Amino acid sequence: MRNKIAITGHTGFIGKNLINRLTKLNFEIFFIDKNLENLRELIEFDPDYICHMGAEIYDDNKMFDSNVV
């Protein structure tokens, strides 16, 4: 049985490289959208792991709110 992982930040540099590695390791991958429109699908996917790689990097207040709070 394949491990399942859900990832935020899949379009960024680190996220893309993580996906390449996990694909080689035969993980089943689910991409969490920034606007969270696919949460129902995430629940159905039922991941073994969730990896938060997403960040708001252009606005200091948004970066703090979305990644620390």
PDB file of N, CA and C in Angstrom:
ATOM      1  N   MET A   1       0.843  -1.184   0.000  1.00  0.00           N
ATOM      2  CA  MET A   1       0.000   0.000   0.000  1.00  0.00           C
ATOM      3  C   MET A   1       0.887   1.245   0.000  1.00  0.00           C
ATOM      4  N   ARG A   2       0.558   2.201  -0.850  1.00  0.00           N
ATOM      5  CA  ARG A   2       1.344   3.434  -0.971  1.00  0.00           C
ATOM      6  C   ARG A   2       1.026   4.405   0.164  1.00  0.00           C
ATOM      7  N   ASN A   3       2.047   5.094   0.630  1.00  0.00           N
ATOM      8  CA  ASN A   3       1.843   6.177   1.586  1.00  0.00           C
ATOM      9  C   ASN A   3       1.196   7.351   0.869  1.00  0.00           C
ATOM     10  N   LYS A   4       0.292   8.028   1.565  1.00  0.00           N
ATOM     11  CA  LYS A   4      -0.394   9.184   0.995  1.00  0.00           C
ATOM     12  C   LYS A   4       0.003  10.434   1.765  1.00  0.00           C
ATOM     13  N   ILE A   5       0.316  11.495   1.005  1.00  0.00           N
ATOM     14  CA  ILE A   5       0.729  12.745   1.624  1.00  0.00           C
ATOM     15  C   ILE A   5       0.011  13.911   0.949  1.00  0.00           C
ATOM     16  N   ALA A   6      -0.401  14.873   1.763  1.00  0.00           N
ATOM     17  CA  ALA A   6      -1.005  16.109   1.266  1.00  0.00           C
ATOM     18  C   ALA A   6       0.004  17.230   1.481  1.00  0.00           C
ATOM     19  N   ILE A   7       0.155  18.100   0.473  1.00  0.00           N
ATOM     20  CA  ILE A   7       1.187  19.125   0.516  1.00  0.00           C
ATOM     21  C   ILE A   7       0.608  20.495   0.196  1.00  0.00           C
ATOM     22  N   THR A   8       0.959  21.493   1.033  1.00  0.00           N
ATOM     23  CA  THR A   8       0.729  22.886   0.678  1.00  0.00           C
ATOM     24  C   THR A   8       2.031  23.420   0.096  1.00  0.00           C
ATOM     25  N   GLY A   9       1.941  24.462  -0.702  1.00  0.00           N
ATOM     26  CA  GLY A   9       3.143  25.058  -1.270  1.00  0.00           C
ATOM     27  C   GLY A   9       3.759  24.252  -2.391  1.00  0.00           C
ATOM     28  N   HIS A  10       2.953  23.497  -3.094  1.00  0.00           N
ATOM     29  CA  HIS A  10       3.462  22.613  -4.143  1.00  0.00           C
ATOM     30  C   HIS A  10       3.968  23.352  -5.379  1.00  0.00           C
ATOM     31  N   THR A  11       3.687  24.644  -5.505  1.00  0.00           N
ATOM     32  CA  THR A  11       4.166  25.394  -6.670  1.00  0.00           C
ATOM     33  C   THR A  11       5.469  26.134  -6.382  1.00  0.00           C
ATOM     34  N   GLY A  12       5.918  26.133  -5.141  1.00  0.00           N
ATOM     35  CA  GLY A  12       7.162  26.807  -4.786  1.00  0.00           C
ATOM     36  C   GLY A  12       8.378  25.933  -5.035  1.00  0.00           C
ATOM     37  N   PHE A  13       9.542  26.523  -4.853  1.00  0.00           N
ATOM     38  CA  PHE A  13      10.810  25.826  -5.108  1.00  0.00           C
ATOM     39  C   PHE A  13      10.950  24.563  -4.255  1.00  0.00           C
ATOM     40  N   ILE A  14      10.764  24.698  -2.958  1.00  0.00           N
ATOM     41  CA  ILE A  14      10.928  23.546  -2.059  1.00  0.00           C
ATOM     42  C   ILE A  14       9.831  22.518  -2.324  1.00  0.00           C
ATOM     43  N   GLY A  15       8.599  22.987  -2.483  1.00  0.00           N
ATOM     44  CA  GLY A  15       7.486  22.079  -2.740  1.00  0.00           C
ATOM     45  C   GLY A  15       7.671  21.246  -3.995  1.00  0.00           C
ATOM     46  N   LYS A  16       8.125  21.887  -5.068  1.00  0.00           N
ATOM     47  CA  LYS A  16       8.351  21.159  -6.332  1.00  0.00           C
ATOM     48  C   LYS A  16       9.422  20.087  -6.168  1.00  0.00           C
ATOM     49  N   ASN A  17      10.488  20.426  -5.469  1.00  0.00           N
ATOM     50  CA  ASN A  17      11.557  19.448  -5.255  1.00  0.00           C
ATOM     51  C   ASN A  17      11.115  18.319  -4.334  1.00  0.00           C
ATOM     52  N   LEU A  18      10.309  18.647  -3.341  1.00  0.00           N
ATOM     53  CA  LEU A  18       9.756  17.609  -2.466  1.00  0.00           C
ATOM     54  C   LEU A  18       8.869  16.655  -3.259  1.00  0.00           C
ATOM     55  N   ILE A  19       8.038  17.199  -4.130  1.00  0.00           N
ATOM     56  CA  ILE A  19       7.158  16.359  -4.952  1.00  0.00           C
ATOM     57  C   ILE A  19       7.971  15.432  -5.849  1.00  0.00           C
ATOM     58  N   ASN A  20       9.036  15.946  -6.455  1.00  0.00           N
ATOM     59  CA  ASN A  20       9.890  15.097  -7.291  1.00  0.00           C
ATOM     60  C   ASN A  20      10.447  13.927  -6.484  1.00  0.00           C
ATOM     61  N   ARG A  21      10.885  14.202  -5.286  1.00  0.00           N
ATOM     62  CA  ARG A  21      11.461  13.142  -4.438  1.00  0.00           C
ATOM     63  C   ARG A  21      10.396  12.142  -4.004  1.00  0.00           C
ATOM     64  N   LEU A  22       9.242  12.652  -3.558  1.00  0.00           N
ATOM     65  CA  LEU A  22       8.177  11.760  -3.094  1.00  0.00           C
ATOM     66  C   LEU A  22       7.623  10.900  -4.227  1.00  0.00           C
ATOM     67  N   THR A  23       7.597  11.449  -5.424  1.00  0.00           N
ATOM     68  CA  THR A  23       7.155  10.672  -6.588  1.00  0.00           C
ATOM     69  C   THR A  23       8.101   9.488  -6.813  1.00  0.00           C
ATOM     70  N   LYS A  24       9.392   9.740  -6.702  1.00  0.00           N
ATOM     71  CA  LYS A  24      10.377   8.662  -6.856  1.00  0.00           C
ATOM     72  C   LYS A  24      10.244   7.614  -5.754  1.00  0.00           C
ATOM     73  N   LEU A  25       9.770   8.040  -4.585  1.00  0.00           N
ATOM     74  CA  LEU A  25       9.568   7.115  -3.471  1.00  0.00           C
ATOM     75  C   LEU A  25       8.182   6.456  -3.500  1.00  0.00           C
ATOM     76  N   ASN A  26       7.431   6.697  -4.570  1.00  0.00           N
ATOM     77  CA  ASN A  26       6.136   6.068  -4.820  1.00  0.00           C
ATOM     78  C   ASN A  26       5.033   6.535  -3.869  1.00  0.00           C
ATOM     79  N   PHE A  27       5.087   7.801  -3.439  1.00  0.00           N
ATOM     80  CA  PHE A  27       4.014   8.358  -2.628  1.00  0.00           C
ATOM     81  C   PHE A  27       2.842   8.748  -3.520  1.00  0.00           C
ATOM     82  N   GLU A  28       1.652   8.645  -2.985  1.00  0.00           N
ATOM     83  CA  GLU A  28       0.465   9.198  -3.625  1.00  0.00           C
ATOM     84  C   GLU A  28       0.316  10.610  -3.050  1.00  0.00           C
ATOM     85  N   ILE A  29       0.236  11.625  -3.932  1.00  0.00           N
ATOM     86  CA  ILE A  29       0.323  13.019  -3.495  1.00  0.00           C
ATOM     87  C   ILE A  29      -0.972  13.765  -3.788  1.00  0.00           C
ATOM     88  N   PHE A  30      -1.386  14.555  -2.795  1.00  0.00           N
ATOM     89  CA  PHE A  30      -2.555  15.428  -2.924  1.00  0.00           C
ATOM     90  C   PHE A  30      -2.092  16.864  -2.712  1.00  0.00           C
ATOM     91  N   PHE A  31      -2.488  17.772  -3.602  1.00  0.00           N
ATOM     92  CA  PHE A  31      -2.087  19.169  -3.508  1.00  0.00           C
ATOM     93  C   PHE A  31      -3.195  19.985  -2.859  1.00  0.00           C
ATOM     94  N   ILE A  32      -2.858  20.655  -1.751  1.00  0.00           N
ATOM     95  CA  ILE A  32      -3.817  21.506  -1.058  1.00  0.00           C
ATOM     96  C   ILE A  32      -3.735  22.905  -1.664  1.00  0.00           C
ATOM     97  N   ASP A  33      -4.859  23.387  -2.201  1.00  0.00           N
ATOM     98  CA  ASP A  33      -4.906  24.697  -2.825  1.00  0.00           C
ATOM     99  C   ASP A  33      -4.812  25.809  -1.798  1.00  0.00           C
ATOM    100  N   LYS A  34      -4.256  26.933  -2.228  1.00  0.00           N
ATOM    101  CA  LYS A  34      -4.112  28.090  -1.347  1.00  0.00           C
ATOM    102  C   LYS A  34      -5.460  28.588  -0.829  1.00  0.00           C
ATOM    103  N   ASN A  35      -6.484  28.509  -1.663  1.00  0.00           N
ATOM    104  CA  ASN A  35      -7.804  29.006  -1.268  1.00  0.00           C
ATOM    105  C   ASN A  35      -8.653  27.926  -0.593  1.00  0.00           C
ATOM    106  N   LEU A  36      -8.091  26.752  -0.369  1.00  0.00           N
ATOM    107  CA  LEU A  36      -8.739  25.644   0.351  1.00  0.00           C
ATOM    108  C   LEU A  36     -10.049  25.174  -0.273  1.00  0.00           C
ATOM    109  N   GLU A  37     -10.200  25.358  -1.573  1.00  0.00           N
ATOM    110  CA  GLU A  37     -11.434  24.923  -2.235  1.00  0.00           C
ATOM    111  C   GLU A  37     -11.558  23.406  -2.330  1.00  0.00           C
ATOM    112  N   ASN A  38     -10.478  22.693  -2.157  1.00  0.00           N
ATOM    113  CA  ASN A  38     -10.529  21.235  -2.324  1.00  0.00           C
ATOM    114  C   ASN A  38     -10.469  20.478  -1.001  1.00  0.00           C
ATOM    115  N   LEU A  39     -10.980  21.082   0.056  1.00  0.00           N
ATOM    116  CA  LEU A  39     -10.941  20.405   1.362  1.00  0.00           C
ATOM    117  C   LEU A  39     -11.780  19.130   1.402  1.00  0.00           C
ATOM    118  N   ARG A  40     -12.894  19.117   0.711  1.00  0.00           N
ATOM    119  CA  ARG A  40     -13.722  17.904   0.672  1.00  0.00           C
ATOM    120  C   ARG A  40     -12.933  16.744   0.060  1.00  0.00           C
ATOM    121  N   GLU A  41     -12.205  17.040  -1.013  1.00  0.00           N
ATOM    122  CA  GLU A  41     -11.381  16.004  -1.641  1.00  0.00           C
ATOM    123  C   GLU A  41     -10.239  15.567  -0.718  1.00  0.00           C
ATOM    124  N   LEU A  42      -9.710  16.513   0.065  1.00  0.00           N
ATOM    125  CA  LEU A  42      -8.648  16.174   1.018  1.00  0.00           C
ATOM    126  C   LEU A  42      -9.150  15.177   2.056  1.00  0.00           C
ATOM    127  N   ILE A  43     -10.345  15.400   2.546  1.00  0.00           N
ATOM    128  CA  ILE A  43     -10.927  14.482   3.533  1.00  0.00           C
ATOM    129  C   ILE A  43     -11.106  13.097   2.933  1.00  0.00           C
ATOM    130  N   GLU A  44     -11.568  13.038   1.694  1.00  0.00           N
ATOM    131  CA  GLU A  44     -11.745  11.755   1.015  1.00  0.00           C
ATOM    132  C   GLU A  44     -10.403  11.081   0.728  1.00  0.00           C
ATOM    133  N   PHE A  45      -9.378  11.876   0.464  1.00  0.00           N
ATOM    134  CA  PHE A  45      -8.037  11.354   0.197  1.00  0.00           C
ATOM    135  C   PHE A  45      -7.453  10.675   1.438  1.00  0.00           C
ATOM    136  N   ASP A  46      -7.755  11.209   2.620  1.00  0.00           N
ATOM    137  CA  ASP A  46      -7.337  10.632   3.901  1.00  0.00           C
ATOM    138  C   ASP A  46      -5.825  10.388   3.956  1.00  0.00           C
ATOM    139  N   PRO A  47      -5.027  11.478   3.957  1.00  0.00           N
ATOM    140  CA  PRO A  47      -3.574  11.315   3.905  1.00  0.00           C
ATOM    141  C   PRO A  47      -2.980  10.736   5.178  1.00  0.00           C
ATOM    142  N   ASP A  48      -1.871  10.032   5.006  1.00  0.00           N
ATOM    143  CA  ASP A  48      -1.090   9.551   6.141  1.00  0.00           C
ATOM    144  C   ASP A  48      -0.258  10.685   6.741  1.00  0.00           C
ATOM    145  N   TYR A  49       0.137  11.620   5.881  1.00  0.00           N
ATOM    146  CA  TYR A  49       0.964  12.747   6.282  1.00  0.00           C
ATOM    147  C   TYR A  49       0.443  14.025   5.638  1.00  0.00           C
ATOM    148  N   ILE A  50       0.695  15.159   6.313  1.00  0.00           N
ATOM    149  CA  ILE A  50       0.431  16.472   5.738  1.00  0.00           C
ATOM    150  C   ILE A  50       1.705  17.283   5.899  1.00  0.00           C
ATOM    151  N   CYS A  51       2.167  17.860   4.815  1.00  0.00           N
ATOM    152  CA  CYS A  51       3.398  18.639   4.825  1.00  0.00           C
ATOM    153  C   CYS A  51       3.082  20.078   4.418  1.00  0.00           C
ATOM    154  N   HIS A  52       3.310  21.008   5.340  1.00  0.00           N
ATOM    155  CA  HIS A  52       3.016  22.416   5.080  1.00  0.00           C
ATOM    156  C   HIS A  52       4.273  23.111   4.575  1.00  0.00           C
ATOM    157  N   MET A  53       4.334  23.355   3.270  1.00  0.00           N
ATOM    158  CA  MET A  53       5.472  24.034   2.652  1.00  0.00           C
ATOM    159  C   MET A  53       5.070  25.402   2.109  1.00  0.00           C
ATOM    160  N   GLY A  54       3.797  25.752   2.235  1.00  0.00           N
ATOM    161  CA  GLY A  54       3.305  27.012   1.682  1.00  0.00           C
ATOM    162  C   GLY A  54       3.656  28.194   2.565  1.00  0.00           C
ATOM    163  N   ALA A  55       3.863  29.334   1.931  1.00  0.00           N
ATOM    164  CA  ALA A  55       4.160  30.553   2.682  1.00  0.00           C
ATOM    165  C   ALA A  55       3.731  31.770   1.882  1.00  0.00           C
ATOM    166  N   GLU A  56       3.314  32.769   2.574  1.00  0.00           N
ATOM    167  CA  GLU A  56       3.040  34.077   1.973  1.00  0.00           C
ATOM    168  C   GLU A  56       4.315  34.883   2.150  1.00  0.00           C
ATOM    169  N   ILE A  57       5.029  35.139   1.063  1.00  0.00           N
ATOM    170  CA  ILE A  57       6.357  35.740   1.210  1.00  0.00           C
ATOM    171  C   ILE A  57       6.433  37.206   0.808  1.00  0.00           C
ATOM    172  N   TYR A  58       5.372  37.765   0.275  1.00  0.00           N
ATOM    173  CA  TYR A  58       5.429  39.131  -0.232  1.00  0.00           C
ATOM    174  C   TYR A  58       4.861  40.164   0.735  1.00  0.00           C
ATOM    175  N   ASP A  59       4.200  39.735   1.775  1.00  0.00           N
ATOM    176  CA  ASP A  59       3.607  40.648   2.744  1.00  0.00           C
ATOM    177  C   ASP A  59       3.915  40.103   4.137  1.00  0.00           C
ATOM    178  N   ASP A  60       4.685  40.855   4.919  1.00  0.00           N
ATOM    179  CA  ASP A  60       5.123  40.369   6.238  1.00  0.00           C
ATOM    180  C   ASP A  60       3.957  40.008   7.146  1.00  0.00           C
ATOM    181  N   ASN A  61       2.892  40.811   7.150  1.00  0.00           N
ATOM    182  CA  ASN A  61       1.736  40.516   8.005  1.00  0.00           C
ATOM    183  C   ASN A  61       1.040  39.244   7.581  1.00  0.00           C
ATOM    184  N   LYS A  62       0.839  39.069   6.270  1.00  0.00           N
ATOM    185  CA  LYS A  62       0.207  37.843   5.773  1.00  0.00           C
ATOM    186  C   LYS A  62       1.098  36.634   6.038  1.00  0.00           C
ATOM    187  N   MET A  63       2.405  36.808   5.898  1.00  0.00           N
ATOM    188  CA  MET A  63       3.326  35.700   6.142  1.00  0.00           C
ATOM    189  C   MET A  63       3.203  35.236   7.595  1.00  0.00           C
ATOM    190  N   PHE A  64       3.172  36.164   8.522  1.00  0.00           N
ATOM    191  CA  PHE A  64       3.043  35.811   9.933  1.00  0.00           C
ATOM    192  C   PHE A  64       1.694  35.163  10.208  1.00  0.00           C
ATOM    193  N   ASP A  65       0.620  35.743   9.694  1.00  0.00           N
ATOM    194  CA  ASP A  65      -0.730  35.214   9.944  1.00  0.00           C
ATOM    195  C   ASP A  65      -0.927  33.825   9.378  1.00  0.00           C
ATOM    196  N   SER A  66      -0.412  33.574   8.166  1.00  0.00           N
ATOM    197  CA  SER A  66      -0.674  32.286   7.523  1.00  0.00           C
ATOM    198  C   SER A  66       0.278  31.182   7.956  1.00  0.00           C
ATOM    199  N   ASN A  67       1.397  31.533   8.574  1.00  0.00           N
ATOM    200  CA  ASN A  67       2.381  30.521   8.905  1.00  0.00           C
ATOM    201  C   ASN A  67       2.708  30.390  10.385  1.00  0.00           C
ATOM    202  N   VAL A  68       2.314  31.379  11.192  1.00  0.00           N
ATOM    203  CA  VAL A  68       2.635  31.333  12.615  1.00  0.00           C
ATOM    204  C   VAL A  68       1.373  31.254  13.466  1.00  0.00           C
ATOM    205  N   VAL A  69       0.409  32.088  13.150  1.00  0.00           N
ATOM    206  CA  VAL A  69      -0.816  32.175  13.960  1.00  0.00           C
ATOM    207  C   VAL A  69      -1.662  30.945  13.779  1.00  0.00           C
TER     208      VAL A  69
END
